[in-house]
Amino acid sequence: GRQQVLRDITLQIPRGQTLALIGESGCGKTVTMKALIGLVRPQQGL
């Protein structure tokens, strides 16, 4: 809707890496994870 959750996020995850996404509630961690698997489709970006 009108709520922006992620803004211009660029993230590369190498094979075999263990990446921790941290931050306070509502900062977009889980949305990022869902975007990585196509459960959330970004309005912009790849």
All heavy atoms as atom14 arrays in JSON, in Angstrom:
{
  "sequence": "GRQQVLRDITLQIPRGQTLALIGESGCGKTVTMKALIGLVRPQQGL",
  "atom14_mask": [
    [1, 1, 1, 1, 0, 0, 0, 0, 0, 0, 0, 0, 0, 0],
    [1, 1, 1, 1, 1, 1, 1, 1, 1, 1, 1, 0, 0, 0],
    [1, 1, 1, 1, 1, 1, 1, 1, 1, 0, 0, 0, 0, 0],
    [1, 1, 1, 1, 1, 1, 1, 1, 1, 0, 0, 0, 0, 0],
    [1, 1, 1, 1, 1, 1, 1, 0, 0, 0, 0, 0, 0, 0],
    [1, 1, 1, 1, 1, 1, 1, 1, 0, 0, 0, 0, 0, 0],
    [1, 1, 1, 1, 1, 1, 1, 1, 1, 1, 1, 0, 0, 0],
    [1, 1, 1, 1, 1, 1, 1, 1, 0, 0, 0, 0, 0, 0],
    [1, 1, 1, 1, 1, 1, 1, 1, 0, 0, 0, 0, 0, 0],
    [1, 1, 1, 1, 1, 1, 1, 0, 0, 0, 0, 0, 0, 0],
    [1, 1, 1, 1, 1, 1, 1, 1, 0, 0, 0, 0, 0, 0],
    [1, 1, 1, 1, 1, 1, 1, 1, 1, 0, 0, 0, 0, 0],
    [1, 1, 1, 1, 1, 1, 1, 1, 0, 0, 0, 0, 0, 0],
    [1, 1, 1, 1, 1, 1, 1, 0, 0, 0, 0, 0, 0, 0],
    [1, 1, 1, 1, 1, 1, 1, 1, 1, 1, 1, 0, 0, 0],
    [1, 1, 1, 1, 0, 0, 0, 0, 0, 0, 0, 0, 0, 0],
    [1, 1, 1, 1, 1, 1, 1, 1, 1, 0, 0, 0, 0, 0],
    [1, 1, 1, 1, 1, 1, 1, 0, 0, 0, 0, 0, 0, 0],
    [1, 1, 1, 1, 1, 1, 1, 1, 0, 0, 0, 0, 0, 0],
    [1, 1, 1, 1, 1, 0, 0, 0, 0, 0, 0, 0, 0, 0],
    [1, 1, 1, 1, 1, 1, 1, 1, 0, 0, 0, 0, 0, 0],
    [1, 1, 1, 1, 1, 1, 1, 1, 0, 0, 0, 0, 0, 0],
    [1, 1, 1, 1, 0, 0, 0, 0, 0, 0, 0, 0, 0, 0],
    [1, 1, 1, 1, 1, 1, 1, 1, 1, 0, 0, 0, 0, 0],
    [1, 1, 1, 1, 1, 1, 0, 0, 0, 0, 0, 0, 0, 0],
    [1, 1, 1, 1, 0, 0, 0, 0, 0, 0, 0, 0, 0, 0],
    [1, 1, 1, 1, 1, 1, 0, 0, 0, 0, 0, 0, 0, 0],
    [1, 1, 1, 1, 0, 0, 0, 0, 0, 0, 0, 0, 0, 0],
    [1, 1, 1, 1, 1, 1, 1, 1, 1, 0, 0, 0, 0, 0],
    [1, 1, 1, 1, 1, 1, 1, 0, 0, 0, 0, 0, 0, 0],
    [1, 1, 1, 1, 1, 1, 1, 0, 0, 0, 0, 0, 0, 0],
    [1, 1, 1, 1, 1, 1, 1, 0, 0, 0, 0, 0, 0, 0],
    [1, 1, 1, 1, 1, 1, 1, 1, 0, 0, 0, 0, 0, 0],
    [1, 1, 1, 1, 1, 1, 1, 1, 1, 0, 0, 0, 0, 0],
    [1, 1, 1, 1, 1, 0, 0, 0, 0, 0, 0, 0, 0, 0],
    [1, 1, 1, 1, 1, 1, 1, 1, 0, 0, 0, 0, 0, 0],
    [1, 1, 1, 1, 1, 1, 1, 1, 0, 0, 0, 0, 0, 0],
    [1, 1, 1, 1, 0, 0, 0, 0, 0, 0, 0, 0, 0, 0],
    [1, 1, 1, 1, 1, 1, 1, 1, 0, 0, 0, 0, 0, 0],
    [1, 1, 1, 1, 1, 1, 1, 0, 0, 0, 0, 0, 0, 0],
    [1, 1, 1, 1, 1, 1, 1, 1, 1, 1, 1, 0, 0, 0],
    [1, 1, 1, 1, 1, 1, 1, 0, 0, 0, 0, 0, 0, 0],
    [1, 1, 1, 1, 1, 1, 1, 1, 1, 0, 0, 0, 0, 0],
    [1, 1, 1, 1, 1, 1, 1, 1, 1, 0, 0, 0, 0, 0],
    [1, 1, 1, 1, 0, 0, 0, 0, 0, 0, 0, 0, 0, 0],
    [1, 1, 1, 1, 1, 1, 1, 1, 0, 0, 0, 0, 0, 0]
  ],
  "atom14_positions": [
    [[0.84, -1.19, 0.0], [0.0, 0.0, 0.0], [0.88, 1.24, 0.0], [1.76, 1.4, -0.84], [0.0, 0.0, 0.0], [0.0, 0.0, 0.0], [0.0, 0.0, 0.0], [0.0, 0.0, 0.0], [0.0, 0.0, 0.0], [0.0, 0.0, 0.0], [0.0, 0.0, 0.0], [0.0, 0.0, 0.0], [0.0, 0.0, 0.0], [0.0, 0.0, 0.0]],
    [[0.67, 2.09, 0.99], [1.48, 3.32, 1.09], [2.71, 3.14, 1.96], [3.53, 4.05, 2.08], [0.62, 4.46, 1.67], [-0.54, 4.88, 0.77], [-1.29, 6.05, 1.37], [-2.38, 6.5, 0.51], [-3.17, 7.52, 0.79], [-3.02, 8.19, 1.94], [-4.13, 7.88, -0.06], [0.0, 0.0, 0.0], [0.0, 0.0, 0.0], [0.0, 0.0, 0.0]],
    [[2.83, 1.97, 2.56], [3.95, 1.74, 3.48], [5.16, 1.16, 2.75], [5.13, 0.05, 2.24], [3.54, 0.78, 4.61], [4.65, 0.56, 5.63], [4.26, -0.43, 6.7], [3.2, -1.05, 6.63], [5.12, -0.6, 7.69], [0.0, 0.0, 0.0], [0.0, 0.0, 0.0], [0.0, 0.0, 0.0], [0.0, 0.0, 0.0], [0.0, 0.0, 0.0]],
    [[6.22, 1.96, 2.71], [7.48, 1.48, 2.13], [8.21, 0.67, 3.19], [8.39, 1.11, 4.33], [8.35, 2.67, 1.71], [9.56, 2.3, 0.89], [9.2, 2.09, -0.58], [8.52, 2.9, -1.17], [9.65, 0.99, -1.15], [0.0, 0.0, 0.0], [0.0, 0.0, 0.0], [0.0, 0.0, 0.0], [0.0, 0.0, 0.0], [0.0, 0.0, 0.0]],
    [[8.64, -0.56, 2.83], [9.31, -1.44, 3.77], [10.78, -1.61, 3.42], [11.65, -1.6, 4.3], [8.61, -2.82, 3.83], [9.31, -3.74, 4.83], [7.14, -2.66, 4.18], [0.0, 0.0, 0.0], [0.0, 0.0, 0.0], [0.0, 0.0, 0.0], [0.0, 0.0, 0.0], [0.0, 0.0, 0.0], [0.0, 0.0, 0.0], [0.0, 0.0, 0.0]],
    [[11.07, -1.77, 2.13], [12.45, -1.91, 1.67], [12.73, -0.84, 0.63], [11.9, -0.58, -0.25], [12.69, -3.29, 1.05], [12.53, -4.51, 1.95], [12.79, -5.79, 1.15], [13.46, -4.44, 3.15], [0.0, 0.0, 0.0], [0.0, 0.0, 0.0], [0.0, 0.0, 0.0], [0.0, 0.0, 0.0], [0.0, 0.0, 0.0], [0.0, 0.0, 0.0]],
    [[13.93, -0.25, 0.73], [14.3, 0.81, -0.2], [15.71, 0.58, -0.74], [16.69, 0.66, 0.0], [14.24, 2.18, 0.52], [14.55, 3.37, -0.38], [14.37, 4.67, 0.38], [15.38, 4.87, 1.41], [15.25, 5.69, 2.46], [14.11, 6.34, 2.64], [16.22, 5.83, 3.33], [0.0, 0.0, 0.0], [0.0, 0.0, 0.0], [0.0, 0.0, 0.0]],
    [[15.76, 0.21, -2.0], [17.03, 0.08, -2.71], [18.01, -0.86, -2.0], [19.16, -0.51, -1.74], [17.65, 1.47, -2.89], [18.73, 1.48, -3.97], [18.72, 0.57, -4.82], [19.58, 2.39, -3.95], [0.0, 0.0, 0.0], [0.0, 0.0, 0.0], [0.0, 0.0, 0.0], [0.0, 0.0, 0.0], [0.0, 0.0, 0.0], [0.0, 0.0, 0.0]],
    [[17.53, -2.07, -1.7], [18.36, -3.06, -1.01], [19.13, -3.91, -2.02], [18.54, -4.49, -2.93], [17.5, -3.99, -0.13], [16.79, -3.19, 0.98], [18.34, -5.11, 0.47], [17.72, -2.57, 1.98], [0.0, 0.0, 0.0], [0.0, 0.0, 0.0], [0.0, 0.0, 0.0], [0.0, 0.0, 0.0], [0.0, 0.0, 0.0], [0.0, 0.0, 0.0]],
    [[20.43, -3.95, -1.84], [21.28, -4.83, -2.65], [22.01, -5.78, -1.71], [22.61, -5.34, -0.72], [22.29, -4.03, -3.48], [21.58, -3.25, -4.46], [23.28, -4.95, -4.19], [0.0, 0.0, 0.0], [0.0, 0.0, 0.0], [0.0, 0.0, 0.0], [0.0, 0.0, 0.0], [0.0, 0.0, 0.0], [0.0, 0.0, 0.0], [0.0, 0.0, 0.0]],
    [[21.92, -7.07, -2.02], [22.46, -8.09, -1.12], [22.89, -9.29, -1.95], [22.12, -9.8, -2.75], [21.38, -8.5, -0.12], [21.74, -9.35, 1.09], [22.66, -8.6, 2.03], [20.46, -9.76, 1.82], [0.0, 0.0, 0.0], [0.0, 0.0, 0.0], [0.0, 0.0, 0.0], [0.0, 0.0, 0.0], [0.0, 0.0, 0.0], [0.0, 0.0, 0.0]],
    [[24.15, -9.72, -1.77], [24.63, -10.93, -2.42], [25.0, -11.96, -1.36], [25.68, -11.62, -0.39], [25.85, -10.65, -3.3], [25.55, -9.84, -4.55], [25.74, -8.35, -4.36], [26.46, -7.93, -3.47], [25.1, -7.57, -5.2], [0.0, 0.0, 0.0], [0.0, 0.0, 0.0], [0.0, 0.0, 0.0], [0.0, 0.0, 0.0], [0.0, 0.0, 0.0]],
    [[24.56, -13.19, -1.56], [24.83, -14.25, -0.6], [25.62, -15.36, -1.29], [25.08, -16.09, -2.12], [23.52, -14.83, -0.02], [22.64, -13.69, 0.53], [23.82, -15.85, 1.07], [21.25, -14.13, 0.92], [0.0, 0.0, 0.0], [0.0, 0.0, 0.0], [0.0, 0.0, 0.0], [0.0, 0.0, 0.0], [0.0, 0.0, 0.0], [0.0, 0.0, 0.0]],
    [[26.91, -15.5, -0.99], [27.72, -16.55, -1.61], [27.28, -17.94, -1.15], [26.74, -18.11, -0.05], [29.14, -16.25, -1.11], [29.11, -14.83, -0.65], [27.73, -14.61, -0.14], [0.0, 0.0, 0.0], [0.0, 0.0, 0.0], [0.0, 0.0, 0.0], [0.0, 0.0, 0.0], [0.0, 0.0, 0.0], [0.0, 0.0, 0.0], [0.0, 0.0, 0.0]],
    [[27.52, -18.93, -1.98], [27.24, -20.31, -1.62], [28.03, -20.69, -0.36], [29.2, -20.36, -0.24], [27.62, -21.25, -2.75], [26.84, -21.06, -4.02], [27.37, -21.95, -5.14], [26.79, -21.56, -6.42], [25.62, -21.99, -6.88], [24.93, -22.87, -6.17], [25.15, -21.59, -8.04], [0.0, 0.0, 0.0], [0.0, 0.0, 0.0], [0.0, 0.0, 0.0]],
    [[27.33, -21.37, 0.55], [27.99, -21.86, 1.75], [28.07, -20.87, 2.89], [28.49, -21.24, 3.99], [0.0, 0.0, 0.0], [0.0, 0.0, 0.0], [0.0, 0.0, 0.0], [0.0, 0.0, 0.0], [0.0, 0.0, 0.0], [0.0, 0.0, 0.0], [0.0, 0.0, 0.0], [0.0, 0.0, 0.0], [0.0, 0.0, 0.0], [0.0, 0.0, 0.0]],
    [[27.67, -19.63, 2.66], [27.76, -18.63, 3.72], [26.56, -18.73, 4.66], [25.45, -19.08, 4.26], [27.79, -17.22, 3.12], [28.01, -16.11, 4.14], [28.13, -14.75, 3.47], [27.13, -14.13, 3.13], [29.37, -14.29, 3.28], [0.0, 0.0, 0.0], [0.0, 0.0, 0.0], [0.0, 0.0, 0.0], [0.0, 0.0, 0.0], [0.0, 0.0, 0.0]],
    [[26.79, -18.43, 5.94], [25.69, -18.27, 6.9], [25.56, -16.78, 7.17], [26.43, -16.16, 7.77], [25.95, -19.03, 8.2], [26.06, -20.43, 7.93], [24.8, -18.82, 9.18], [0.0, 0.0, 0.0], [0.0, 0.0, 0.0], [0.0, 0.0, 0.0], [0.0, 0.0, 0.0], [0.0, 0.0, 0.0], [0.0, 0.0, 0.0], [0.0, 0.0, 0.0]],
    [[24.45, -16.22, 6.71], [24.19, -14.78, 6.82], [23.11, -14.53, 7.86], [22.05, -15.16, 7.81], [23.73, -14.23, 5.46], [23.18, -12.8, 5.45], [24.27, -11.79, 5.78], [22.54, -12.49, 4.1], [0.0, 0.0, 0.0], [0.0, 0.0, 0.0], [0.0, 0.0, 0.0], [0.0, 0.0, 0.0], [0.0, 0.0, 0.0], [0.0, 0.0, 0.0]],
    [[23.38, -13.64, 8.79], [22.37, -13.23, 9.77], [21.85, -11.84, 9.41], [22.64, -10.91, 9.21], [22.95, -13.2, 11.18], [0.0, 0.0, 0.0], [0.0, 0.0, 0.0], [0.0, 0.0, 0.0], [0.0, 0.0, 0.0], [0.0, 0.0, 0.0], [0.0, 0.0, 0.0], [0.0, 0.0, 0.0], [0.0, 0.0, 0.0], [0.0, 0.0, 0.0]],
    [[20.53, -11.72, 9.29], [19.89, -10.42, 9.08], [19.33, -9.97, 10.42], [18.48, -10.65, 10.99], [18.76, -10.54, 8.05], [19.12, -11.01, 6.65], [17.88, -11.04, 5.75], [20.19, -10.12, 6.03], [0.0, 0.0, 0.0], [0.0, 0.0, 0.0], [0.0, 0.0, 0.0], [0.0, 0.0, 0.0], [0.0, 0.0, 0.0], [0.0, 0.0, 0.0]],
    [[19.83, -8.85, 10.93], [19.4, -8.38, 12.23], [18.78, -6.99, 12.12], [18.87, -6.33, 11.08], [20.58, -8.34, 13.24], [21.61, -7.28, 12.84], [21.23, -9.71, 13.37], [22.66, -6.99, 13.91], [0.0, 0.0, 0.0], [0.0, 0.0, 0.0], [0.0, 0.0, 0.0], [0.0, 0.0, 0.0], [0.0, 0.0, 0.0], [0.0, 0.0, 0.0]],
    [[18.17, -6.56, 13.21], [17.53, -5.25, 13.25], [16.26, -5.34, 14.06], [15.73, -6.42, 14.3], [0.0, 0.0, 0.0], [0.0, 0.0, 0.0], [0.0, 0.0, 0.0], [0.0, 0.0, 0.0], [0.0, 0.0, 0.0], [0.0, 0.0, 0.0], [0.0, 0.0, 0.0], [0.0, 0.0, 0.0], [0.0, 0.0, 0.0], [0.0, 0.0, 0.0]],
    [[15.77, -4.18, 14.46], [14.58, -4.16, 15.3], [13.34, -4.54, 14.51], [13.36, -4.62, 13.27], [14.4, -2.79, 15.95], [14.27, -1.65, 14.97], [14.32, -0.3, 15.66], [15.42, 0.18, 15.97], [13.23, 0.27, 15.89], [0.0, 0.0, 0.0], [0.0, 0.0, 0.0], [0.0, 0.0, 0.0], [0.0, 0.0, 0.0], [0.0, 0.0, 0.0]],
    [[12.26, -4.82, 15.21], [11.01, -5.23, 14.56], [10.55, -4.18, 13.56], [10.61, -2.99, 13.82], [9.92, -5.45, 15.6], [10.28, -6.49, 16.49], [0.0, 0.0, 0.0], [0.0, 0.0, 0.0], [0.0, 0.0, 0.0], [0.0, 0.0, 0.0], [0.0, 0.0, 0.0], [0.0, 0.0, 0.0], [0.0, 0.0, 0.0], [0.0, 0.0, 0.0]],
    [[10.1, -4.65, 12.4], [9.56, -3.74, 11.4], [10.59, -3.13, 10.46], [10.24, -2.24, 9.68], [0.0, 0.0, 0.0], [0.0, 0.0, 0.0], [0.0, 0.0, 0.0], [0.0, 0.0, 0.0], [0.0, 0.0, 0.0], [0.0, 0.0, 0.0], [0.0, 0.0, 0.0], [0.0, 0.0, 0.0], [0.0, 0.0, 0.0], [0.0, 0.0, 0.0]],
    [[11.82, -3.63, 10.5], [12.87, -3.01, 9.67], [13.0, -3.67, 8.3], [13.77, -3.2, 7.47], [14.21, -3.01, 10.4], [14.92, -4.65, 10.63], [0.0, 0.0, 0.0], [0.0, 0.0, 0.0], [0.0, 0.0, 0.0], [0.0, 0.0, 0.0], [0.0, 0.0, 0.0], [0.0, 0.0, 0.0], [0.0, 0.0, 0.0], [0.0, 0.0, 0.0]],
    [[12.27, -4.76, 8.05], [12.28, -5.36, 6.72], [13.06, -6.65, 6.59], [13.24, -7.16, 5.48], [0.0, 0.0, 0.0], [0.0, 0.0, 0.0], [0.0, 0.0, 0.0], [0.0, 0.0, 0.0], [0.0, 0.0, 0.0], [0.0, 0.0, 0.0], [0.0, 0.0, 0.0], [0.0, 0.0, 0.0], [0.0, 0.0, 0.0], [0.0, 0.0, 0.0]],
    [[13.49, -7.25, 7.7], [14.29, -8.49, 7.63], [13.53, -9.62, 6.99], [14.0, -10.27, 6.05], [14.74, -8.91, 9.05], [15.44, -7.86, 9.87], [15.92, -8.42, 11.2], [14.83, -8.93, 12.13], [13.91, -7.88, 12.59], [0.0, 0.0, 0.0], [0.0, 0.0, 0.0], [0.0, 0.0, 0.0], [0.0, 0.0, 0.0], [0.0, 0.0, 0.0]],
    [[12.34, -9.91, 7.53], [11.55, -11.04, 7.03], [11.05, -10.78, 5.61], [10.99, -11.7, 4.79], [10.38, -11.34, 7.97], [10.9, -11.71, 9.26], [9.52, -12.48, 7.45], [0.0, 0.0, 0.0], [0.0, 0.0, 0.0], [0.0, 0.0, 0.0], [0.0, 0.0, 0.0], [0.0, 0.0, 0.0], [0.0, 0.0, 0.0], [0.0, 0.0, 0.0]],
    [[10.71, -9.54, 5.3], [10.28, -9.2, 3.94], [11.41, -9.46, 2.95], [11.19, -9.97, 1.85], [9.8, -7.73, 3.87], [9.52, -7.33, 2.42], [8.56, -7.54, 4.71], [0.0, 0.0, 0.0], [0.0, 0.0, 0.0], [0.0, 0.0, 0.0], [0.0, 0.0, 0.0], [0.0, 0.0, 0.0], [0.0, 0.0, 0.0], [0.0, 0.0, 0.0]],
    [[12.63, -9.13, 3.35], [13.79, -9.41, 2.49], [13.92, -10.9, 2.24], [14.14, -11.34, 1.1], [15.08, -8.87, 3.14], [14.97, -7.46, 3.29], [16.3, -9.2, 2.29], [0.0, 0.0, 0.0], [0.0, 0.0, 0.0], [0.0, 0.0, 0.0], [0.0, 0.0, 0.0], [0.0, 0.0, 0.0], [0.0, 0.0, 0.0], [0.0, 0.0, 0.0]],
    [[13.79, -11.69, 3.3], [13.89, -13.14, 3.16], [12.81, -13.67, 2.21], [13.08, -14.51, 1.34], [13.77, -13.81, 4.53], [13.96, -15.32, 4.49], [13.93, -16.07, 6.14], [12.19, -15.88, 6.56], [0.0, 0.0, 0.0], [0.0, 0.0, 0.0], [0.0, 0.0, 0.0], [0.0, 0.0, 0.0], [0.0, 0.0, 0.0], [0.0, 0.0, 0.0]],
    [[11.59, -13.15, 2.34], [10.5, -13.59, 1.47], [10.74, -13.16, 0.03], [10.38, -13.89, -0.91], [9.16, -13.05, 1.99], [8.7, -13.69, 3.28], [7.38, -13.11, 3.75], [6.89, -13.8, 5.03], [5.6, -13.24, 5.51], [0.0, 0.0, 0.0], [0.0, 0.0, 0.0], [0.0, 0.0, 0.0], [0.0, 0.0, 0.0], [0.0, 0.0, 0.0]],
    [[11.35, -12.0, -0.16], [11.65, -11.54, -1.51], [12.68, -12.44, -2.18], [12.62, -12.68, -3.4], [12.16, -10.1, -1.47], [0.0, 0.0, 0.0], [0.0, 0.0, 0.0], [0.0, 0.0, 0.0], [0.0, 0.0, 0.0], [0.0, 0.0, 0.0], [0.0, 0.0, 0.0], [0.0, 0.0, 0.0], [0.0, 0.0, 0.0], [0.0, 0.0, 0.0]],
    [[13.62, -12.97, -1.39], [14.67, -13.82, -1.95], [14.13, -15.11, -2.54], [14.76, -15.72, -3.4], [15.71, -14.15, -0.87], [16.58, -12.99, -0.37], [17.48, -13.45, 0.76], [17.43, -12.41, -1.5], [0.0, 0.0, 0.0], [0.0, 0.0, 0.0], [0.0, 0.0, 0.0], [0.0, 0.0, 0.0], [0.0, 0.0, 0.0], [0.0, 0.0, 0.0]],
    [[12.94, -15.55, -2.06], [12.37, -16.8, -2.56], [11.11, -16.57, -3.39], [10.41, -17.52, -3.74], [12.07, -17.78, -1.4], [11.1, -17.15, -0.39], [13.35, -18.2, -0.72], [10.67, -18.1, 0.7], [0.0, 0.0, 0.0], [0.0, 0.0, 0.0], [0.0, 0.0, 0.0], [0.0, 0.0, 0.0], [0.0, 0.0, 0.0], [0.0, 0.0, 0.0]],
    [[10.81, -15.31, -3.68], [9.69, -15.02, -4.55], [8.33, -14.99, -3.9], [7.31, -14.9, -4.59], [0.0, 0.0, 0.0], [0.0, 0.0, 0.0], [0.0, 0.0, 0.0], [0.0, 0.0, 0.0], [0.0, 0.0, 0.0], [0.0, 0.0, 0.0], [0.0, 0.0, 0.0], [0.0, 0.0, 0.0], [0.0, 0.0, 0.0], [0.0, 0.0, 0.0]],
    [[8.27, -15.07, -2.58], [6.98, -14.96, -1.89], [6.49, -13.52, -1.85], [5.3, -13.26, -1.74], [7.09, -15.5, -0.46], [7.25, -17.02, -0.34], [7.42, -17.41, 1.12], [6.06, -17.75, -0.95], [0.0, 0.0, 0.0], [0.0, 0.0, 0.0], [0.0, 0.0, 0.0], [0.0, 0.0, 0.0], [0.0, 0.0, 0.0], [0.0, 0.0, 0.0]],
    [[7.43, -12.58, -1.92], [7.12, -11.15, -2.05], [7.82, -10.66, -3.31], [9.02, -10.9, -3.49], [7.62, -10.36, -0.82], [7.53, -8.86, -1.09], [6.8, -10.72, 0.42], [0.0, 0.0, 0.0], [0.0, 0.0, 0.0], [0.0, 0.0, 0.0], [0.0, 0.0, 0.0], [0.0, 0.0, 0.0], [0.0, 0.0, 0.0], [0.0, 0.0, 0.0]],
    [[7.07, -10.0, -4.17], [7.64, -9.49, -5.43], [7.95, -8.0, -5.26], [7.06, -7.21, -4.98], [6.64, -9.68, -6.56], [6.29, -11.16, -6.79], [6.9, -11.67, -8.05], [6.56, -13.07, -8.28], [6.95, -13.75, -9.34], [7.73, -13.18, -10.24], [6.61, -15.02, -9.49], [0.0, 0.0, 0.0], [0.0, 0.0, 0.0], [0.0, 0.0, 0.0]],
    [[9.21, -7.62, -5.46], [9.56, -6.19, -5.36], [8.88, -5.38, -6.46], [8.68, -5.87, -7.58], [11.09, -6.19, -5.55], [11.53, -7.59, -5.33], [10.37, -8.45, -5.75], [0.0, 0.0, 0.0], [0.0, 0.0, 0.0], [0.0, 0.0, 0.0], [0.0, 0.0, 0.0], [0.0, 0.0, 0.0], [0.0, 0.0, 0.0], [0.0, 0.0, 0.0]],
    [[8.54, -4.11, -6.13], [8.01, -3.22, -7.15], [9.13, -2.74, -8.1], [8.88, -2.42, -9.25], [7.34, -1.99, -6.5], [5.95, -2.28, -5.96], [5.99, -3.02, -4.63], [6.92, -2.84, -3.84], [4.98, -3.85, -4.37], [0.0, 0.0, 0.0], [0.0, 0.0, 0.0], [0.0, 0.0, 0.0], [0.0, 0.0, 0.0], [0.0, 0.0, 0.0]],
    [[10.35, -2.68, -7.56], [11.51, -2.32, -8.37], [12.67, -3.24, -7.98], [12.72, -3.76, -6.87], [11.94, -0.87, -8.11], [10.95, 0.19, -8.55], [11.42, 1.57, -8.15], [10.74, 2.27, -7.41], [12.59, 1.98, -8.63], [0.0, 0.0, 0.0], [0.0, 0.0, 0.0], [0.0, 0.0, 0.0], [0.0, 0.0, 0.0], [0.0, 0.0, 0.0]],
    [[13.61, -3.4, -8.9], [14.8, -4.18, -8.61], [14.69, -5.62, -9.1], [13.69, -6.03, -9.71], [0.0, 0.0, 0.0], [0.0, 0.0, 0.0], [0.0, 0.0, 0.0], [0.0, 0.0, 0.0], [0.0, 0.0, 0.0], [0.0, 0.0, 0.0], [0.0, 0.0, 0.0], [0.0, 0.0, 0.0], [0.0, 0.0, 0.0], [0.0, 0.0, 0.0]],
    [[15.71, -6.38, -8.81], [15.87, -7.71, -9.36], [16.29, -8.69, -8.27], [17.11, -8.36, -7.42], [16.95, -7.67, -10.45], [17.19, -8.9, -11.31], [15.97, -9.18, -12.19], [18.43, -8.69, -12.17], [0.0, 0.0, 0.0], [0.0, 0.0, 0.0], [0.0, 0.0, 0.0], [0.0, 0.0, 0.0], [0.0, 0.0, 0.0], [0.0, 0.0, 0.0]]
  ]
}
